[in-house]
Structure formats: structure tokens, C-alpha cells
Amino acid sequence: MKIVIIGGVAAGAKVAAKSKRLLPDSEIYIYTQDKYVSYSACGLPYYIEGNFEDWRKLIIRSVEEFENSGIHIRTLHKVTKILTADKKIVVKDLLSQEIKFIDYDKLVIATGAYPYMKDFPEINLKNIFTLRTLDDGIAIREAMQNVTNITLIGGGYISIELLEAFVKNGKNVTLIEKAPYILSVFDEDIASLIQNYILENSNGQVKLVLEDTLKEFVGDETVKGVLTAKGSGFETEMVVISAGVGRTPQIIVITIATFLIMTVTIYQGVINVDETLIKAARVLGAKDKDIFFKVIAPATLPFIITAIRLGSSTALTTLIAAESTGAVAGLGMRIRSLNNSFESEPMLLYIIIIGIIGLLVEKFVKYLERRFTGWQEKREV
């Protein structure tokens, strides 16, 4: 068996090691566009801070160690397409620019999340970073040595860890956060305690700009300042963007949760179309296109409506669950925050709002049912 894994930091490396132990005769390949595999991404802020000098201490298992155990590593290889029908991936060698087609029996996608950049201006200046890979950490630490003023975009875990690292290295830090307080994964009471502690113990090196967002970078070749949506401006020599991972992971989870149930339901509708109707259409000279749109699609409509009903309810519950486990906005996040602070009355209000949304969705589905499958009710009468 040939197992191909896309991504080789935490999950990818662990899947490879576990698979080799369980299936010692299998071929295992890891493809990653990174230079390194199996390193501690969580330790990057501590390396930047200067708790240790050699970044190699972050590497848990080297490429050579993987190869010696029978796991083949392909660094600087970017997977550009997955051809599921052929069980192949399209890989681009980032050094030679060569395109390769790689077969697989089992495919594991373990690429992790990517920094959210959608709402930010195009980055065409030097000294603007995100922190995701080991290369990012090395570059940030190197750039930090030559600057005094640093701006952080976002007030989550990564920004706070970097804030501590920069302050301990004597840098002045401006943090811009769109929420009313930093670390919005916590309720406001806890976040305020952390916020006050930072301001009281940073010797005036930290400035928090809350309820505001980045609008524009200022500079020629290297960033010299930032402008915010509310009209503020700050001089800076370096920017790190760590504004979370956006809505993409939530969308993927909701898609996976709803796709299977809707697909199976609609498929059942298609295979249960009365063959007599199809044969009658063919006798009357109908082409395949006509049969699909005038026979199969109308006969499948009740199943499609049922799929919409099941899919919408699954999507709503999955969205609330996703928002309650790490999101910085949404009804699920608000319920989690209010629950943490024991505010039962407003929490119940949000639960009622979710119930109303569910009721409205159900009313809409019933309208579709009456509008498009009214013939079914008449037939039953």
C-alpha cells in the first residue's frame, strides 16, 4: 500500500509514524512545501524571544531519521491538485519547477491552517510577516534585531506570545485588535485581567488599539507605518499579522458535515425514479437531456427538498458547534463566552435566536415543498 501525506509538521508527521508502525510494509511519502518537517510550531515564540539560540532545537525528527525508518520525505514540493478519480496528486517541485504526477492508495491531507489575510491590503513591503512556519520564526527573529517599533495585527494567542517576546527584547509594541478586548476567546472579565496585567507590567512599551482594524501599510520598500480604519496612524518598522484563520475551517467542516447526508438523500431519490416514466419518455422520443430535466429532476424533487431540510439543520448545528470552539465571532462564540461568565439570561436569548433561525429555515423549506412538489400532495389525495 502506498500512503501519501500532504503536510509534514505535527499531524502529518504523526500519521506517517503511526502508519509505519501499523503497516510496516507500506510505502509512505510526505510532501510539504516547507523546508522542514516535524518541528514544534508552538515553540516558535520562545525561539523568537531568545530562550534558546539554535532553531534546530525545535526540530523533533529530521528528514534523515524519517528516511532511515522507511518514510520518504519530499520537502519544497507543493501539491497543486488532487485527482481523486485517478488516485493521483499533481506536485510541483519548487526548486526545479518540475511537475510530477504521483499515485496513491490512501491520501492524508494534513496541511494545517493558514493565516487569515483576506481583509488586509496587499503586502508589497519588506518587514511584514506572518508566523506559521519555522522559516517565518527565523525571519521574524532576525528582523526584530534591527528595529525598535513593532506592530501586531490581531489580539489572539500568537499575538500575545509575540508581544511578550518583543517586550522582553526591549521593543515598543502597538497591537491592533478589532474586538473590544484582546483574547476574545475568553469572556471579557478574564480578558480584561490579562489586558490590564500586560499594560501594568510592560513599562509603557505596549499600546493597545482596540475596536479598530488595519487599513493601509505605509512605506516605500520597507514598511514605515500603518493606518487604521478609524483614521489613526502609527510609525512602525515591522509588522506581524496574526488575525486568526478566518472562516475557511468552519466552511470546510460544515461542507463535510452536510455533503454526505445531502448526497445520499438525493441519490436515493434518483435511483427510485419510476422506470416506467423513463421508458415512456424514450418511447415518445425524449433525449437524455429531456429525460433528466423533465422526468428525473421533477420526480426527485421531494428527495431534494428533504436533503435541503436535513442539510440546513445539520449546517446550523455544525456552525454553532464550530463557532463555540475557537471562533472570535458568531452566536456560538457568544454563547460560550456568556456561559463562561455565568450570564444565563443573555445566553438564553442567543439560544432563542438560534431556535428562531431554525424555525425560519424550516418555514422556508416548507414553502419550497408547497411551491415545487404540490403535485405530490394532489396525487396522494
Protein backbone atom coordinates (compact mmCIF):
# COMPACT_ATOMS: atom_id res chain seq x y z
CA MET A 1 0.00 0.00 0.00
CA LYS A 2 1.23 3.48 -0.88
CA ILE A 3 0.22 6.20 1.58
CA VAL A 4 0.76 9.82 0.55
CA ILE A 5 0.57 12.56 3.19
CA ILE A 6 0.30 16.25 2.31
CA GLY A 7 1.88 18.29 5.12
CA GLY A 8 4.61 17.23 7.50
CA VAL A 9 4.62 19.31 10.67
CA ALA A 10 2.51 17.94 13.53
CA ALA A 11 -0.39 15.86 12.22
CA GLY A 12 1.32 14.74 9.01
CA ALA A 13 4.45 13.51 10.75
CA LYS A 14 2.43 11.68 13.41
CA VAL A 15 0.23 10.00 10.81
CA ALA A 16 3.34 8.85 8.95
CA ALA A 17 4.99 7.41 12.07
CA LYS A 18 1.80 5.68 13.25
CA SER A 19 1.06 4.28 9.79
CA LYS A 20 4.56 2.85 9.54
CA ARG A 21 4.19 1.11 12.90
CA LEU A 22 0.80 -0.38 11.97
CA LEU A 23 1.66 -1.12 8.33
CA PRO A 24 5.42 -1.76 8.23
CA ASP A 25 5.34 -2.96 4.59
CA SER A 26 3.59 0.16 3.29
CA GLU A 27 5.25 2.88 1.23
CA ILE A 28 4.81 6.25 2.94
CA TYR A 29 5.60 9.62 1.38
CA ILE A 30 5.27 13.08 2.91
CA TYR A 31 5.00 16.05 0.54
CA THR A 32 5.40 19.51 2.01
CA GLN A 33 6.15 22.93 0.56
CA ASP A 34 8.04 23.72 3.76
CA LYS A 35 11.82 23.29 4.13
CA TYR A 36 11.45 21.33 7.34
CA VAL A 37 9.26 18.59 8.78
CA SER A 38 8.24 17.53 12.28
CA TYR A 39 9.06 20.66 14.27
CA SER A 40 7.45 22.32 17.26
CA ALA A 41 5.49 25.26 15.85
CA CYS A 42 4.28 26.09 19.38
CA GLY A 43 7.88 26.80 20.38
CA LEU A 44 8.43 29.48 17.73
CA PRO A 45 7.55 32.46 20.01
CA TYR A 46 10.06 31.21 22.59
CA TYR A 47 12.78 30.96 19.97
CA ILE A 48 11.94 34.50 18.81
CA GLU A 49 12.09 35.68 22.43
CA GLY A 50 15.60 34.27 22.76
CA ASN A 51 15.01 31.47 25.26
CA PHE A 52 17.42 29.40 23.15
CA GLU A 53 19.71 30.29 20.27
CA ASP A 54 19.65 27.28 17.96
CA TRP A 55 16.41 26.90 15.99
CA ARG A 56 17.33 23.27 15.35
CA LYS A 57 16.16 22.50 18.87
CA LEU A 58 12.61 22.93 17.54
CA ILE A 59 13.02 20.00 15.14
CA ILE A 60 11.62 16.81 16.65
CA ARG A 61 12.66 14.39 13.93
CA SER A 62 14.96 15.13 11.00
CA VAL A 63 14.47 14.14 7.36
CA GLU A 64 17.31 11.64 7.72
CA GLU A 65 15.62 9.97 10.70
CA PHE A 66 12.39 9.64 8.74
CA GLU A 67 14.20 8.16 5.76
CA ASN A 68 16.03 5.66 7.99
CA SER A 69 12.67 4.45 9.29
CA GLY A 70 11.32 3.95 5.77
CA ILE A 71 9.28 7.17 5.48
CA HIS A 72 10.16 9.20 2.39
CA ILE A 73 10.21 12.98 2.73
CA ARG A 74 9.80 15.42 -0.14
CA THR A 75 10.36 18.95 1.12
CA LEU A 76 9.83 22.03 -1.07
CA HIS A 77 7.19 20.14 -3.05
CA LYS A 78 3.80 21.81 -3.43
CA VAL A 79 0.70 19.72 -4.14
CA THR A 80 -1.36 21.74 -6.62
CA LYS A 81 -4.17 19.29 -7.47
CA ILE A 82 -5.78 16.10 -6.22
CA LEU A 83 -7.12 13.82 -8.96
CA THR A 84 -9.42 11.64 -6.90
CA ALA A 85 -10.80 9.67 -9.86
CA ASP A 86 -7.28 8.57 -10.85
CA LYS A 87 -5.93 8.44 -7.29
CA LYS A 88 -3.12 10.81 -8.16
CA ILE A 89 -1.79 14.13 -6.94
CA VAL A 90 -0.10 16.81 -9.03
CA VAL A 91 3.09 18.01 -7.37
CA LYS A 92 5.33 20.94 -8.24
CA ASP A 93 8.99 20.78 -7.26
CA LEU A 94 9.61 24.33 -6.00
CA LEU A 95 13.34 24.13 -6.79
CA SER A 96 13.32 22.68 -10.31
CA GLN A 97 9.73 23.81 -11.16
CA GLU A 98 9.14 20.27 -12.46
CA ILE A 99 5.55 18.97 -12.40
CA LYS A 100 5.02 15.36 -11.28
CA PHE A 101 2.02 13.02 -11.11
CA ILE A 102 2.14 10.82 -8.01
CA ASP A 103 -0.03 7.73 -7.47
CA TYR A 104 -1.50 6.85 -4.09
CA ASP A 105 -3.65 4.19 -2.47
CA LYS A 106 -4.50 6.27 0.59
CA LEU A 107 -4.24 10.06 0.83
CA VAL A 108 -3.99 12.10 4.03
CA ILE A 109 -4.33 15.90 3.98
CA ALA A 110 -2.59 17.45 6.99
CA THR A 111 -1.69 20.93 5.80
CA GLY A 112 -2.93 22.79 8.87
CA ALA A 113 -4.44 26.26 8.85
CA TYR A 114 -3.23 29.37 7.04
CA PRO A 115 -3.15 32.94 8.37
CA TYR A 116 -6.26 34.96 7.54
CA MET A 117 -5.24 37.70 5.09
CA LYS A 118 -8.44 38.43 3.14
CA ASP A 119 -9.32 41.76 4.80
CA PHE A 120 -5.81 43.21 4.66
CA PRO A 121 -4.18 45.36 1.97
CA GLU A 122 -1.81 43.72 -0.49
CA ILE A 123 1.59 43.14 1.06
CA ASN A 124 4.36 44.51 -1.15
CA LEU A 125 6.68 45.90 1.50
CA LYS A 126 9.52 44.30 3.42
CA ASN A 127 9.35 43.51 7.16
CA ILE A 128 5.70 42.37 7.10
CA PHE A 129 5.36 38.83 8.41
CA THR A 130 3.00 36.07 9.45
CA LEU A 131 4.04 33.34 11.87
CA ARG A 132 3.22 29.84 10.67
CA THR A 133 6.42 28.01 9.71
CA LEU A 134 9.90 27.61 11.08
CA ASP A 135 11.20 29.86 8.31
CA ASP A 136 8.76 32.55 9.47
CA GLY A 137 10.11 32.31 13.03
CA ILE A 138 13.73 32.57 11.89
CA ALA A 139 12.92 35.59 9.68
CA ILE A 140 10.97 37.40 12.45
CA ARG A 141 13.76 36.92 15.00
CA GLU A 142 16.35 38.18 12.53
CA ALA A 143 14.28 41.25 11.58
CA MET A 144 13.48 42.02 15.23
CA GLN A 145 17.15 42.62 16.00
CA ASN A 146 17.25 45.72 13.77
CA VAL A 147 14.03 47.52 14.75
CA THR A 148 12.56 49.38 17.72
CA ASN A 149 8.86 49.75 16.92
CA ILE A 150 6.73 46.72 16.01
CA THR A 151 3.03 46.47 15.18
CA LEU A 152 0.95 43.35 15.78
CA ILE A 153 -2.31 42.86 13.90
CA GLY A 154 -4.71 40.71 15.91
CA GLY A 155 -5.11 40.05 19.62
CA GLY A 156 -5.19 36.25 19.83
CA TYR A 157 -2.80 33.71 21.29
CA ILE A 158 0.01 34.16 18.75
CA SER A 159 -0.01 37.96 19.03
CA ILE A 160 0.12 37.86 22.84
CA GLU A 161 3.01 35.37 22.81
CA LEU A 162 4.87 37.56 20.31
CA LEU A 163 4.06 40.68 22.32
CA GLU A 164 5.78 39.12 25.32
CA ALA A 165 8.77 38.11 23.19
CA PHE A 166 9.16 41.58 21.70
CA VAL A 167 8.76 43.43 25.02
CA LYS A 168 11.39 41.22 26.66
CA ASN A 169 13.72 42.23 23.85
CA GLY A 170 13.14 45.93 24.58
CA LYS A 171 10.83 46.68 21.64
CA ASN A 172 7.88 49.07 21.58
CA VAL A 173 4.75 47.20 20.50
CA THR A 174 1.44 48.50 19.12
CA LEU A 175 -1.29 45.89 18.96
CA ILE A 176 -4.37 46.48 16.76
CA GLU A 177 -7.45 44.36 17.52
CA LYS A 178 -10.94 44.72 16.03
CA ALA A 179 -12.69 43.32 19.13
CA PRO A 180 -13.36 45.43 22.27
CA TYR A 181 -10.66 43.48 24.13
CA ILE A 182 -7.76 41.14 23.42
CA LEU A 183 -8.03 37.35 23.63
CA SER A 184 -11.70 37.35 22.72
CA VAL A 185 -11.76 33.56 23.04
CA PHE A 186 -12.17 34.31 26.75
CA ASP A 187 -15.03 36.23 28.32
CA GLU A 188 -14.49 39.94 28.84
CA ASP A 189 -13.76 39.69 32.59
CA ILE A 190 -10.83 37.28 32.13
CA ALA A 191 -9.55 39.07 29.04
CA SER A 192 -9.61 42.41 30.90
CA LEU A 193 -7.48 40.96 33.69
CA ILE A 194 -4.88 39.80 31.16
CA GLN A 195 -5.08 43.12 29.32
CA ASN A 196 -4.53 45.15 32.47
CA TYR A 197 -1.65 42.92 33.56
CA ILE A 198 0.11 43.46 30.21
CA LEU A 199 -0.26 47.24 30.40
CA GLU A 200 0.86 47.40 34.02
CA ASN A 201 3.96 45.26 33.51
CA SER A 202 5.29 46.41 30.15
CA ASN A 203 6.94 49.69 31.28
CA GLY A 204 4.98 51.69 28.74
CA GLN A 205 6.27 49.61 25.82
CA VAL A 206 2.80 48.35 24.83
CA LYS A 207 -0.03 50.31 23.22
CA LEU A 208 -3.38 48.59 22.59
CA VAL A 209 -5.60 49.90 19.79
CA LEU A 210 -8.98 48.20 20.23
CA GLU A 211 -12.15 48.17 18.10
CA ASP A 212 -10.12 49.19 15.05
CA THR A 213 -8.68 47.43 12.01
CA LEU A 214 -5.77 47.81 9.65
CA LYS A 215 -6.47 49.87 6.55
CA GLU A 216 -3.13 50.51 4.87
CA PHE A 217 0.61 49.95 5.10
CA VAL A 218 2.85 52.98 4.60
CA GLY A 219 6.36 52.83 3.16
CA ASP A 220 8.49 52.67 0.02
CA GLU A 221 10.36 49.35 0.03
CA THR A 222 10.15 48.64 3.76
CA VAL A 223 7.12 49.26 5.96
CA LYS A 224 7.34 52.58 7.81
CA GLY A 225 3.87 52.87 9.31
CA VAL A 226 0.28 51.65 9.36
CA LEU A 227 -3.07 53.43 9.01
CA THR A 228 -6.26 52.14 10.63
CA ALA A 229 -9.90 52.21 9.55
CA LYS A 230 -10.72 54.84 12.20
CA GLY A 231 -8.05 57.21 10.93
CA SER A 232 -5.22 56.55 13.38
CA GLY A 233 -1.63 56.24 12.19
CA PHE A 234 1.45 54.70 13.79
CA GLU A 235 5.11 54.65 12.88
CA THR A 236 6.48 51.14 12.74
CA GLU A 237 9.47 49.31 11.33
CA MET A 238 7.98 45.83 11.38
CA VAL A 239 4.50 44.24 11.28
CA VAL A 240 3.35 40.76 12.21
CA ILE A 241 -0.16 39.75 11.09
CA SER A 242 -1.79 37.11 13.29
CA ALA A 243 -5.51 37.71 12.88
CA GLY A 244 -6.61 34.09 13.11
CA VAL A 245 -7.55 31.66 10.38
CA GLY A 246 -10.83 33.21 9.23
CA ARG A 247 -13.99 31.32 8.32
CA THR A 248 -12.40 28.79 5.97
CA PRO A 249 -12.06 25.95 8.54
CA GLN A 250 -15.69 26.44 9.60
CA ILE A 251 -16.83 26.34 5.98
CA ILE A 252 -14.88 23.13 5.38
CA VAL A 253 -16.36 21.46 8.48
CA ILE A 254 -19.91 22.48 7.52
CA THR A 255 -19.38 21.29 3.93
CA ILE A 256 -18.14 17.89 5.07
CA ALA A 257 -20.98 17.55 7.58
CA THR A 258 -23.72 18.38 5.06
CA PHE A 259 -22.35 16.96 1.82
CA LEU A 260 -22.69 13.26 2.66
CA ILE A 261 -26.21 13.41 4.08
CA MET A 262 -27.50 15.54 1.19
CA THR A 263 -25.75 13.47 -1.47
CA VAL A 264 -27.08 10.16 -0.13
CA THR A 265 -30.63 11.53 0.13
CA ILE A 266 -30.65 12.90 -3.43
CA TYR A 267 -29.04 9.72 -4.76
CA GLN A 268 -31.84 7.68 -3.20
CA GLY A 269 -34.32 9.92 -4.99
CA VAL A 270 -32.63 9.41 -8.36
CA ILE A 271 -32.43 5.61 -8.15
CA ASN A 272 -36.06 5.40 -7.03
CA VAL A 273 -37.48 7.21 -10.07
CA ASP A 274 -40.15 5.00 -11.65
CA GLU A 275 -38.53 3.29 -14.64
CA THR A 276 -41.91 3.25 -16.39
CA LEU A 277 -41.74 7.05 -16.65
CA ILE A 278 -38.28 6.91 -18.22
CA LYS A 279 -39.32 4.20 -20.69
CA ALA A 280 -42.44 6.14 -21.64
CA ALA A 281 -40.35 9.25 -22.27
CA ARG A 282 -37.97 7.31 -24.52
CA VAL A 283 -40.90 5.86 -26.48
CA LEU A 284 -42.10 9.40 -27.09
CA GLY A 285 -38.67 10.32 -28.49
CA ALA A 286 -37.22 12.18 -25.50
CA LYS A 287 -33.45 12.65 -25.48
CA ASP A 288 -31.26 12.09 -22.40
CA LYS A 289 -31.29 15.82 -21.61
CA ASP A 290 -35.10 15.94 -21.74
CA ILE A 291 -35.40 12.81 -19.61
CA PHE A 292 -33.16 14.34 -16.96
CA PHE A 293 -34.87 17.74 -16.77
CA LYS A 294 -38.47 16.67 -17.41
CA VAL A 295 -38.62 13.24 -15.75
CA ILE A 296 -35.79 12.52 -13.31
CA ALA A 297 -35.42 16.02 -11.81
CA PRO A 298 -39.15 16.57 -11.10
CA ALA A 299 -39.54 13.04 -9.70
CA THR A 300 -36.51 13.61 -7.45
CA LEU A 301 -37.72 16.98 -6.12
CA PRO A 302 -39.27 15.55 -2.91
CA PHE A 303 -35.92 13.97 -2.06
CA ILE A 304 -34.08 17.21 -2.90
CA ILE A 305 -36.39 19.13 -0.54
CA THR A 306 -35.74 16.52 2.16
CA ALA A 307 -31.99 16.86 1.53
CA ILE A 308 -32.26 20.65 1.94
CA ARG A 309 -34.15 20.17 5.21
CA LEU A 310 -31.56 17.72 6.58
CA GLY A 311 -28.61 19.70 5.24
CA SER A 312 -29.76 23.05 6.59
CA SER A 313 -30.38 21.67 10.09
CA THR A 314 -27.01 19.91 10.06
CA ALA A 315 -25.28 23.06 8.78
CA LEU A 316 -26.84 25.23 11.51
CA THR A 317 -25.91 22.88 14.36
CA THR A 318 -22.39 22.37 12.94
CA LEU A 319 -21.90 26.13 12.55
CA ILE A 320 -22.87 26.78 16.17
CA ALA A 321 -20.56 23.98 17.33
CA ALA A 322 -17.68 25.33 15.21
CA GLU A 323 -18.19 28.88 16.48
CA SER A 324 -18.16 27.68 20.08
CA THR A 325 -14.73 26.04 19.79
CA GLY A 326 -12.31 28.81 18.92
CA ALA A 327 -14.09 31.39 16.76
CA VAL A 328 -13.85 35.09 17.58
CA ALA A 329 -17.36 35.94 16.36
CA GLY A 330 -20.77 34.38 15.90
CA LEU A 331 -23.64 33.09 18.02
CA GLY A 332 -21.73 30.03 19.19
CA MET A 333 -18.84 32.19 20.41
CA ARG A 334 -21.23 34.49 22.27
CA ILE A 335 -22.97 31.56 23.98
CA ARG A 336 -19.61 30.11 25.02
CA SER A 337 -18.43 33.47 26.36
CA LEU A 338 -21.66 34.10 28.29
CA ASN A 339 -21.60 30.57 29.69
CA ASN A 340 -18.03 31.10 30.94
CA SER A 341 -19.10 34.27 32.73
CA PHE A 342 -22.32 32.68 34.13
CA GLU A 343 -24.58 35.18 32.35
CA SER A 344 -27.55 32.87 31.88
CA GLU A 345 -30.19 35.38 30.77
CA PRO A 346 -28.40 36.80 27.69
CA MET A 347 -27.16 33.28 26.91
CA LEU A 348 -30.76 32.04 26.78
CA LEU A 349 -31.58 34.96 24.48
CA TYR A 350 -28.97 33.75 21.98
CA ILE A 351 -30.30 30.20 22.25
CA ILE A 352 -33.79 31.53 21.47
CA ILE A 353 -32.35 33.39 18.46
CA ILE A 354 -30.88 30.11 17.19
CA GLY A 355 -34.28 28.48 17.65
CA ILE A 356 -35.94 31.27 15.67
CA ILE A 357 -33.37 30.89 12.87
CA GLY A 358 -34.09 27.15 12.78
CA LEU A 359 -37.83 27.82 12.65
CA LEU A 360 -37.42 30.30 9.79
CA VAL A 361 -35.30 27.80 7.85
CA GLU A 362 -37.99 25.14 8.36
CA LYS A 363 -40.71 27.56 7.17
CA PHE A 364 -38.65 28.32 4.07
CA VAL A 365 -38.19 24.61 3.30
CA LYS A 366 -41.94 24.04 3.71
CA TYR A 367 -42.58 26.89 1.28
CA LEU A 368 -40.27 25.21 -1.26
CA GLU A 369 -42.12 21.95 -0.67
CA ARG A 370 -45.51 23.54 -1.38
CA ARG A 371 -44.17 25.52 -4.32
CA PHE A 372 -42.37 22.74 -6.17
CA THR A 373 -43.93 19.48 -5.01
CA GLY A 374 -47.57 20.44 -4.76
CA TRP A 375 -48.34 17.80 -7.37
CA GLN A 376 -47.27 15.13 -4.90
CA GLU A 377 -49.92 16.19 -2.39
CA LYS A 378 -52.62 16.18 -5.07
CA ARG A 379 -51.61 12.69 -6.18
CA GLU A 380 -51.89 11.38 -2.61
CA VAL A 381 -55.43 12.79 -2.33
